[in-house]
Amino acid sequence: MSATQAPHQAALAALRLAGAVTGARSQRISVRVDPGVMRAAAARLGLTNPSDVVNASLAVAAAPDRFKAWWTDAEATLPDDFELAV
């Protein structure tokens, strides 16, 4: 991801390369969300349209990510002598 590319743009690009993006925004869903969470996501993503916020959020959740893969791997544990480098 470049310094100027937002995380959701990088996620969408990765999903495009993987063939997961259809290019059509045709699936209609109806959900209830916490308005505070929606505002926070919109602000974080720099978006205002609720459909764009949901689509970008799903892209970020679905995109391949080495950390997410490691985190969800049941075998991935930190060594006993791990120290946070701050």
PDB file of N, CA and C in Angstrom:
ATOM      1  N   MET A   1       0.849  -1.177   0.000  1.00  0.00           N
ATOM      2  CA  MET A   1       0.000   0.000   0.000  1.00  0.00           C
ATOM      3  C   MET A   1       0.887   1.229   0.000  1.00  0.00           C
ATOM      4  N   SER A   2       0.557   2.160  -0.865  1.00  0.00           N
ATOM      5  CA  SER A   2       1.338   3.393  -0.908  1.00  0.00           C
ATOM      6  C   SER A   2       0.883   4.324   0.198  1.00  0.00           C
ATOM      7  N   ALA A   3       1.694   5.342   0.471  1.00  0.00           N
ATOM      8  CA  ALA A   3       1.374   6.296   1.528  1.00  0.00           C
ATOM      9  C   ALA A   3       0.097   7.068   1.215  1.00  0.00           C
ATOM     10  N   THR A   4      -0.241   7.193  -0.059  1.00  0.00           N
ATOM     11  CA  THR A   4      -1.424   7.949  -0.433  1.00  0.00           C
ATOM     12  C   THR A   4      -2.648   7.066  -0.629  1.00  0.00           C
ATOM     13  N   GLN A   5      -2.484   5.764  -0.615  1.00  0.00           N
ATOM     14  CA  GLN A   5      -3.591   4.847  -0.852  1.00  0.00           C
ATOM     15  C   GLN A   5      -4.239   4.462   0.478  1.00  0.00           C
ATOM     16  N   ALA A   6      -5.543   4.679   0.579  1.00  0.00           N
ATOM     17  CA  ALA A   6      -6.283   4.333   1.785  1.00  0.00           C
ATOM     18  C   ALA A   6      -6.363   2.818   1.921  1.00  0.00           C
ATOM     19  N   PRO A   7      -6.493   2.330   3.170  1.00  0.00           N
ATOM     20  CA  PRO A   7      -6.552   0.873   3.376  1.00  0.00           C
ATOM     21  C   PRO A   7      -7.665   0.195   2.576  1.00  0.00           C
ATOM     22  N   HIS A   8      -8.826   0.832   2.463  1.00  0.00           N
ATOM     23  CA  HIS A   8      -9.909   0.187   1.716  1.00  0.00           C
ATOM     24  C   HIS A   8      -9.608   0.157   0.216  1.00  0.00           C
ATOM     25  N   GLN A   9      -8.856   1.130  -0.295  1.00  0.00           N
ATOM     26  CA  GLN A   9      -8.471   1.100  -1.704  1.00  0.00           C
ATOM     27  C   GLN A   9      -7.481  -0.035  -1.961  1.00  0.00           C
ATOM     28  N   ALA A  10      -6.549  -0.225  -1.047  1.00  0.00           N
ATOM     29  CA  ALA A  10      -5.598  -1.330  -1.168  1.00  0.00           C
ATOM     30  C   ALA A  10      -6.320  -2.669  -1.072  1.00  0.00           C
ATOM     31  N   ALA A  11      -7.297  -2.756  -0.169  1.00  0.00           N
ATOM     32  CA  ALA A  11      -8.068  -3.986  -0.006  1.00  0.00           C
ATOM     33  C   ALA A  11      -8.844  -4.303  -1.281  1.00  0.00           C
ATOM     34  N   LEU A  12      -9.494  -3.296  -1.849  1.00  0.00           N
ATOM     35  CA  LEU A  12     -10.242  -3.511  -3.094  1.00  0.00           C
ATOM     36  C   LEU A  12      -9.304  -3.919  -4.229  1.00  0.00           C
ATOM     37  N   ALA A  13      -8.122  -3.317  -4.294  1.00  0.00           N
ATOM     38  CA  ALA A  13      -7.146  -3.677  -5.328  1.00  0.00           C
ATOM     39  C   ALA A  13      -6.713  -5.137  -5.177  1.00  0.00           C
ATOM     40  N   ALA A  14      -6.466  -5.564  -3.945  1.00  0.00           N
ATOM     41  CA  ALA A  14      -6.066  -6.960  -3.704  1.00  0.00           C
ATOM     42  C   ALA A  14      -7.193  -7.918  -4.070  1.00  0.00           C
ATOM     43  N   LEU A  15      -8.418  -7.539  -3.744  1.00  0.00           N
ATOM     44  CA  LEU A  15      -9.559  -8.390  -4.082  1.00  0.00           C
ATOM     45  C   LEU A  15      -9.796  -8.433  -5.592  1.00  0.00           C
ATOM     46  N   ARG A  16      -9.529  -7.320  -6.279  1.00  0.00           N
ATOM     47  CA  ARG A  16      -9.633  -7.302  -7.749  1.00  0.00           C
ATOM     48  C   ARG A  16      -8.630  -8.291  -8.348  1.00  0.00           C
ATOM     49  N   LEU A  17      -7.381  -8.240  -7.844  1.00  0.00           N
ATOM     50  CA  LEU A  17      -6.346  -9.155  -8.349  1.00  0.00           C
ATOM     51  C   LEU A  17      -6.713 -10.611  -8.099  1.00  0.00           C
ATOM     52  N   ALA A  18      -7.401 -10.871  -6.990  1.00  0.00           N
ATOM     53  CA  ALA A  18      -7.796 -12.237  -6.659  1.00  0.00           C
ATOM     54  C   ALA A  18      -9.051 -12.671  -7.415  1.00  0.00           C
ATOM     55  N   GLY A  19      -9.642 -11.742  -8.173  1.00  0.00           N
ATOM     56  CA  GLY A  19     -10.840 -12.077  -8.938  1.00  0.00           C
ATOM     57  C   GLY A  19     -12.123 -12.066  -8.127  1.00  0.00           C
ATOM     58  N   ALA A  20     -12.080 -11.499  -6.936  1.00  0.00           N
ATOM     59  CA  ALA A  20     -13.259 -11.506  -6.071  1.00  0.00           C
ATOM     60  C   ALA A  20     -14.208 -10.337  -6.329  1.00  0.00           C
ATOM     61  N   VAL A  21     -13.715  -9.269  -6.937  1.00  0.00           N
ATOM     62  CA  VAL A  21     -14.553  -8.098  -7.182  1.00  0.00           C
ATOM     63  C   VAL A  21     -15.271  -8.288  -8.510  1.00  0.00           C
ATOM     64  N   THR A  22     -16.602  -8.181  -8.474  1.00  0.00           N
ATOM     65  CA  THR A  22     -17.391  -8.375  -9.692  1.00  0.00           C
ATOM     66  C   THR A  22     -17.558  -7.090 -10.476  1.00  0.00           C
ATOM     67  N   GLY A  23     -17.409  -5.947  -9.814  1.00  0.00           N
ATOM     68  CA  GLY A  23     -17.613  -4.676 -10.480  1.00  0.00           C
ATOM     69  C   GLY A  23     -19.054  -4.214 -10.446  1.00  0.00           C
ATOM     70  N   ALA A  24     -19.943  -5.066  -9.964  1.00  0.00           N
ATOM     71  CA  ALA A  24     -21.367  -4.718  -9.866  1.00  0.00           C
ATOM     72  C   ALA A  24     -21.754  -4.613  -8.403  1.00  0.00           C
ATOM     73  N   ARG A  25     -22.416  -3.533  -8.075  1.00  0.00           N
ATOM     74  CA  ARG A  25     -22.913  -3.390  -6.708  1.00  0.00           C
ATOM     75  C   ARG A  25     -24.413  -3.651  -6.744  1.00  0.00           C
ATOM     76  N   SER A  26     -24.758  -4.926  -6.911  1.00  0.00           N
ATOM     77  CA  SER A  26     -26.149  -5.303  -7.137  1.00  0.00           C
ATOM     78  C   SER A  26     -26.792  -6.045  -5.972  1.00  0.00           C
ATOM     79  N   GLN A  27     -25.991  -6.546  -5.030  1.00  0.00           N
ATOM     80  CA  GLN A  27     -26.580  -7.281  -3.910  1.00  0.00           C
ATOM     81  C   GLN A  27     -27.104  -6.283  -2.884  1.00  0.00           C
ATOM     82  N   ARG A  28     -28.387  -6.366  -2.617  1.00  0.00           N
ATOM     83  CA  ARG A  28     -29.015  -5.456  -1.670  1.00  0.00           C
ATOM     84  C   ARG A  28     -29.115  -6.166  -0.320  1.00  0.00           C
ATOM     85  N   ILE A  29     -28.668  -5.485   0.735  1.00  0.00           N
ATOM     86  CA  ILE A  29     -28.768  -6.031   2.082  1.00  0.00           C
ATOM     87  C   ILE A  29     -29.448  -5.005   2.970  1.00  0.00           C
ATOM     88  N   SER A  30     -30.032  -5.487   4.029  1.00  0.00           N
ATOM     89  CA  SER A  30     -30.658  -4.600   4.993  1.00  0.00           C
ATOM     90  C   SER A  30     -30.162  -5.007   6.373  1.00  0.00           C
ATOM     91  N   VAL A  31     -29.499  -4.088   7.031  1.00  0.00           N
ATOM     92  CA  VAL A  31     -28.958  -4.377   8.352  1.00  0.00           C
ATOM     93  C   VAL A  31     -29.189  -3.179   9.267  1.00  0.00           C
ATOM     94  N   ARG A  32     -29.128  -3.423  10.532  1.00  0.00           N
ATOM     95  CA  ARG A  32     -29.164  -2.341  11.508  1.00  0.00           C
ATOM     96  C   ARG A  32     -27.778  -2.259  12.120  1.00  0.00           C
ATOM     97  N   VAL A  33     -27.239  -1.056  12.151  1.00  0.00           N
ATOM     98  CA  VAL A  33     -25.907  -0.855  12.701  1.00  0.00           C
ATOM     99  C   VAL A  33     -25.960   0.218  13.768  1.00  0.00           C
ATOM    100  N   ASP A  34     -24.989   0.188  14.640  1.00  0.00           N
ATOM    101  CA  ASP A  34     -24.851   1.226  15.656  1.00  0.00           C
ATOM    102  C   ASP A  34     -24.429   2.503  14.929  1.00  0.00           C
ATOM    103  N   PRO A  35     -25.191   3.601  15.078  1.00  0.00           N
ATOM    104  CA  PRO A  35     -24.856   4.826  14.357  1.00  0.00           C
ATOM    105  C   PRO A  35     -23.468   5.364  14.694  1.00  0.00           C
ATOM    106  N   GLY A  36     -23.018   5.150  15.921  1.00  0.00           N
ATOM    107  CA  GLY A  36     -21.685   5.605  16.300  1.00  0.00           C
ATOM    108  C   GLY A  36     -20.605   4.836  15.568  1.00  0.00           C
ATOM    109  N   VAL A  37     -20.820   3.532  15.406  1.00  0.00           N
ATOM    110  CA  VAL A  37     -19.855   2.708  14.670  1.00  0.00           C
ATOM    111  C   VAL A  37     -19.837   3.123  13.204  1.00  0.00           C
ATOM    112  N   MET A  38     -21.004   3.394  12.653  1.00  0.00           N
ATOM    113  CA  MET A  38     -21.076   3.824  11.251  1.00  0.00           C
ATOM    114  C   MET A  38     -20.363   5.163  11.056  1.00  0.00           C
ATOM    115  N   ARG A  39     -20.581   6.108  11.961  1.00  0.00           N
ATOM    116  CA  ARG A  39     -19.898   7.405  11.866  1.00  0.00           C
ATOM    117  C   ARG A  39     -18.387   7.241  11.991  1.00  0.00           C
ATOM    118  N   ALA A  40     -17.954   6.388  12.932  1.00  0.00           N
ATOM    119  CA  ALA A  40     -16.521   6.174  13.135  1.00  0.00           C
ATOM    120  C   ALA A  40     -15.897   5.522  11.906  1.00  0.00           C
ATOM    121  N   ALA A  41     -16.572   4.536  11.324  1.00  0.00           N
ATOM    122  CA  ALA A  41     -16.047   3.878  10.122  1.00  0.00           C
ATOM    123  C   ALA A  41     -15.992   4.854   8.960  1.00  0.00           C
ATOM    124  N   ALA A  42     -17.040   5.653   8.801  1.00  0.00           N
ATOM    125  CA  ALA A  42     -17.068   6.636   7.711  1.00  0.00           C
ATOM    126  C   ALA A  42     -15.927   7.632   7.860  1.00  0.00           C
ATOM    127  N   ALA A  43     -15.714   8.103   9.078  1.00  0.00           N
ATOM    128  CA  ALA A  43     -14.629   9.065   9.321  1.00  0.00           C
ATOM    129  C   ALA A  43     -13.275   8.423   9.069  1.00  0.00           C
ATOM    130  N   ARG A  44     -13.088   7.214   9.541  1.00  0.00           N
ATOM    131  CA  ARG A  44     -11.801   6.513   9.378  1.00  0.00           C
ATOM    132  C   ARG A  44     -11.493   6.262   7.909  1.00  0.00           C
ATOM    133  N   LEU A  45     -12.538   5.935   7.139  1.00  0.00           N
ATOM    134  CA  LEU A  45     -12.362   5.626   5.722  1.00  0.00           C
ATOM    135  C   LEU A  45     -12.429   6.862   4.835  1.00  0.00           C
ATOM    136  N   GLY A  46     -12.879   7.977   5.391  1.00  0.00           N
ATOM    137  CA  GLY A  46     -13.009   9.194   4.609  1.00  0.00           C
ATOM    138  C   GLY A  46     -14.159   9.139   3.622  1.00  0.00           C
ATOM    139  N   LEU A  47     -15.228   8.449   4.008  1.00  0.00           N
ATOM    140  CA  LEU A  47     -16.380   8.273   3.123  1.00  0.00           C
ATOM    141  C   LEU A  47     -17.635   8.842   3.784  1.00  0.00           C
ATOM    142  N   THR A  48     -18.620   9.188   2.987  1.00  0.00           N
ATOM    143  CA  THR A  48     -19.871   9.706   3.551  1.00  0.00           C
ATOM    144  C   THR A  48     -21.081   8.870   3.166  1.00  0.00           C
ATOM    145  N   ASN A  49     -21.052   8.241   2.002  1.00  0.00           N
ATOM    146  CA  ASN A  49     -22.183   7.434   1.551  1.00  0.00           C
ATOM    147  C   ASN A  49     -22.200   6.118   2.331  1.00  0.00           C
ATOM    148  N   PRO A  50     -23.325   5.795   3.009  1.00  0.00           N
ATOM    149  CA  PRO A  50     -23.375   4.552   3.800  1.00  0.00           C
ATOM    150  C   PRO A  50     -23.053   3.302   2.985  1.00  0.00           C
ATOM    151  N   SER A  51     -23.490   3.233   1.734  1.00  0.00           N
ATOM    152  CA  SER A  51     -23.170   2.062   0.901  1.00  0.00           C
ATOM    153  C   SER A  51     -21.667   1.946   0.667  1.00  0.00           C
ATOM    154  N   ASP A  52     -21.004   3.086   0.457  1.00  0.00           N
ATOM    155  CA  ASP A  52     -19.554   3.081   0.275  1.00  0.00           C
ATOM    156  C   ASP A  52     -18.842   2.627   1.546  1.00  0.00           C
ATOM    157  N   VAL A  53     -19.355   3.076   2.701  1.00  0.00           N
ATOM    158  CA  VAL A  53     -18.754   2.693   3.987  1.00  0.00           C
ATOM    159  C   VAL A  53     -18.864   1.189   4.190  1.00  0.00           C
ATOM    160  N   VAL A  54     -20.041   0.631   3.939  1.00  0.00           N
ATOM    161  CA  VAL A  54     -20.242  -0.813   4.120  1.00  0.00           C
ATOM    162  C   VAL A  54     -19.377  -1.587   3.132  1.00  0.00           C
ATOM    163  N   ASN A  55     -19.364  -1.183   1.859  1.00  0.00           N
ATOM    164  CA  ASN A  55     -18.570  -1.882   0.850  1.00  0.00           C
ATOM    165  C   ASN A  55     -17.080  -1.832   1.185  1.00  0.00           C
ATOM    166  N   ALA A  56     -16.593  -0.672   1.591  1.00  0.00           N
ATOM    167  CA  ALA A  56     -15.174  -0.528   1.950  1.00  0.00           C
ATOM    168  C   ALA A  56     -14.843  -1.352   3.183  1.00  0.00           C
ATOM    169  N   SER A  57     -15.726  -1.342   4.167  1.00  0.00           N
ATOM    170  CA  SER A  57     -15.492  -2.119   5.390  1.00  0.00           C
ATOM    171  C   SER A  57     -15.426  -3.609   5.087  1.00  0.00           C
ATOM    172  N   LEU A  58     -16.331  -4.080   4.246  1.00  0.00           N
ATOM    173  CA  LEU A  58     -16.306  -5.495   3.863  1.00  0.00           C
ATOM    174  C   LEU A  58     -15.038  -5.828   3.084  1.00  0.00           C
ATOM    175  N   ALA A  59     -14.598  -4.918   2.231  1.00  0.00           N
ATOM    176  CA  ALA A  59     -13.365  -5.150   1.474  1.00  0.00           C
ATOM    177  C   ALA A  59     -12.171  -5.274   2.409  1.00  0.00           C
ATOM    178  N   VAL A  60     -12.095  -4.390   3.396  1.00  0.00           N
ATOM    179  CA  VAL A  60     -10.982  -4.453   4.351  1.00  0.00           C
ATOM    180  C   VAL A  60     -11.022  -5.771   5.122  1.00  0.00           C
ATOM    181  N   ALA A  61     -12.224  -6.214   5.496  1.00  0.00           N
ATOM    182  CA  ALA A  61     -12.348  -7.478   6.230  1.00  0.00           C
ATOM    183  C   ALA A  61     -12.010  -8.679   5.354  1.00  0.00           C
ATOM    184  N   ALA A  62     -12.326  -8.605   4.062  1.00  0.00           N
ATOM    185  CA  ALA A  62     -12.160  -9.754   3.169  1.00  0.00           C
ATOM    186  C   ALA A  62     -10.793  -9.843   2.505  1.00  0.00           C
ATOM    187  N   ALA A  63     -10.089  -8.734   2.422  1.00  0.00           N
ATOM    188  CA  ALA A  63      -8.817  -8.725   1.687  1.00  0.00           C
ATOM    189  C   ALA A  63      -7.774  -9.590   2.372  1.00  0.00           C
ATOM    190  N   PRO A  64      -6.918 -10.224   1.574  1.00  0.00           N
ATOM    191  CA  PRO A  64      -5.840 -11.007   2.153  1.00  0.00           C
ATOM    192  C   PRO A  64      -4.893 -10.100   2.949  1.00  0.00           C
ATOM    193  N   ASP A  65      -4.450 -10.596   4.059  1.00  0.00           N
ATOM    194  CA  ASP A  65      -3.574  -9.816   4.929  1.00  0.00           C
ATOM    195  C   ASP A  65      -2.727 -10.798   5.717  1.00  0.00           C
ATOM    196  N   ARG A  66      -1.417 -10.648   5.667  1.00  0.00           N
ATOM    197  CA  ARG A  66      -0.539 -11.600   6.370  1.00  0.00           C
ATOM    198  C   ARG A  66      -0.797 -11.610   7.861  1.00  0.00           C
ATOM    199  N   PHE A  67      -1.063 -10.445   8.464  1.00  0.00           N
ATOM    200  CA  PHE A  67      -1.300 -10.412   9.904  1.00  0.00           C
ATOM    201  C   PHE A  67      -2.591 -11.134  10.244  1.00  0.00           C
ATOM    202  N   LYS A  68      -3.660 -10.890   9.481  1.00  0.00           N
ATOM    203  CA  LYS A  68      -4.926 -11.584   9.748  1.00  0.00           C
ATOM    204  C   LYS A  68      -4.755 -13.091   9.611  1.00  0.00           C
ATOM    205  N   ALA A  69      -3.988 -13.514   8.606  1.00  0.00           N
ATOM    206  CA  ALA A  69      -3.761 -14.945   8.419  1.00  0.00           C
ATOM    207  C   ALA A  69      -3.012 -15.531   9.612  1.00  0.00           C
ATOM    208  N   TRP A  70      -1.998 -14.831  10.081  1.00  0.00           N
ATOM    209  CA  TRP A  70      -1.243 -15.299  11.241  1.00  0.00           C
ATOM    210  C   TRP A  70      -2.124 -15.323  12.488  1.00  0.00           C
ATOM    211  N   TRP A  71      -2.910 -14.248  12.658  1.00  0.00           N
ATOM    212  CA  TRP A  71      -3.735 -14.103  13.851  1.00  0.00           C
ATOM    213  C   TRP A  71      -4.775 -15.211  13.969  1.00  0.00           C
ATOM    214  N   THR A  72      -5.354 -15.629  12.841  1.00  0.00           N
ATOM    215  CA  THR A  72      -6.394 -16.649  12.869  1.00  0.00           C
ATOM    216  C   THR A  72      -5.838 -18.065  12.863  1.00  0.00           C
ATOM    217  N   ASP A  73      -4.536 -18.223  12.640  1.00  0.00           N
ATOM    218  CA  ASP A  73      -3.916 -19.540  12.642  1.00  0.00           C
ATOM    219  C   ASP A  73      -3.823 -20.046  14.085  1.00  0.00           C
ATOM    220  N   ALA A  74      -4.425 -21.177  14.357  1.00  0.00           N
ATOM    221  CA  ALA A  74      -4.454 -21.719  15.722  1.00  0.00           C
ATOM    222  C   ALA A  74      -3.058 -22.006  16.268  1.00  0.00           C
ATOM    223  N   GLU A  75      -2.110 -22.238  15.375  1.00  0.00           N
ATOM    224  CA  GLU A  75      -0.756 -22.558  15.799  1.00  0.00           C
ATOM    225  C   GLU A  75       0.083 -21.313  16.075  1.00  0.00           C
ATOM    226  N   ALA A  76      -0.415 -20.151  15.708  1.00  0.00           N
ATOM    227  CA  ALA A  76       0.374 -18.922  15.843  1.00  0.00           C
ATOM    228  C   ALA A  76       0.333 -18.420  17.285  1.00  0.00           C
ATOM    229  N   THR A  77       1.459 -18.520  17.947  1.00  0.00           N
ATOM    230  CA  THR A  77       1.576 -18.017  19.312  1.00  0.00           C
ATOM    231  C   THR A  77       2.893 -17.257  19.427  1.00  0.00           C
ATOM    232  N   LEU A  78       2.932 -16.354  20.346  1.00  0.00           N
ATOM    233  CA  LEU A  78       4.164 -15.614  20.586  1.00  0.00           C
ATOM    234  C   LEU A  78       5.085 -16.433  21.481  1.00  0.00           C
ATOM    235  N   PRO A  79       6.390 -16.327  21.280  1.00  0.00           N
ATOM    236  CA  PRO A  79       7.308 -17.048  22.160  1.00  0.00           C
ATOM    237  C   PRO A  79       7.240 -16.476  23.576  1.00  0.00           C
ATOM    238  N   ASP A  80       7.589 -17.294  24.552  1.00  0.00           N
ATOM    239  CA  ASP A  80       7.535 -16.869  25.954  1.00  0.00           C
ATOM    240  C   ASP A  80       8.414 -15.654  26.225  1.00  0.00           C
ATOM    241  N   ASP A  81       9.513 -15.491  25.473  1.00  0.00           N
ATOM    242  CA  ASP A  81      10.415 -14.374  25.712  1.00  0.00           C
ATOM    243  C   ASP A  81      10.108 -13.156  24.833  1.00  0.00           C
ATOM    244  N   PHE A  82       8.921 -13.115  24.233  1.00  0.00           N
ATOM    245  CA  PHE A  82       8.553 -11.996  23.368  1.00  0.00           C
ATOM    246  C   PHE A  82       8.490 -10.686  24.172  1.00  0.00           C
ATOM    247  N   GLU A  83       9.094  -9.642  23.597  1.00  0.00           N
ATOM    248  CA  GLU A  83       9.019  -8.318  24.202  1.00  0.00           C
ATOM    249  C   GLU A  83       8.584  -7.331  23.130  1.00  0.00           C
ATOM    250  N   LEU A  84       7.643  -6.482  23.482  1.00  0.00           N
ATOM    251  CA  LEU A  84       7.158  -5.470  22.559  1.00  0.00           C
ATOM    252  C   LEU A  84       8.231  -4.413  22.354  1.00  0.00           C
ATOM    253  N   ALA A  85       8.580  -4.151  21.105  1.00  0.00           N
ATOM    254  CA  ALA A  85       9.595  -3.144  20.791  1.00  0.00           C
ATOM    255  C   ALA A  85       8.928  -1.783  20.702  1.00  0.00           C
ATOM    256  N   VAL A  86       9.134  -0.975  21.713  1.00  0.00           N
ATOM    257  CA  VAL A  86       8.541   0.370  21.718  1.00  0.00           C
ATOM    258  C   VAL A  86       9.602   1.427  21.760  1.00  0.00           C
TER     259      VAL A  86
END
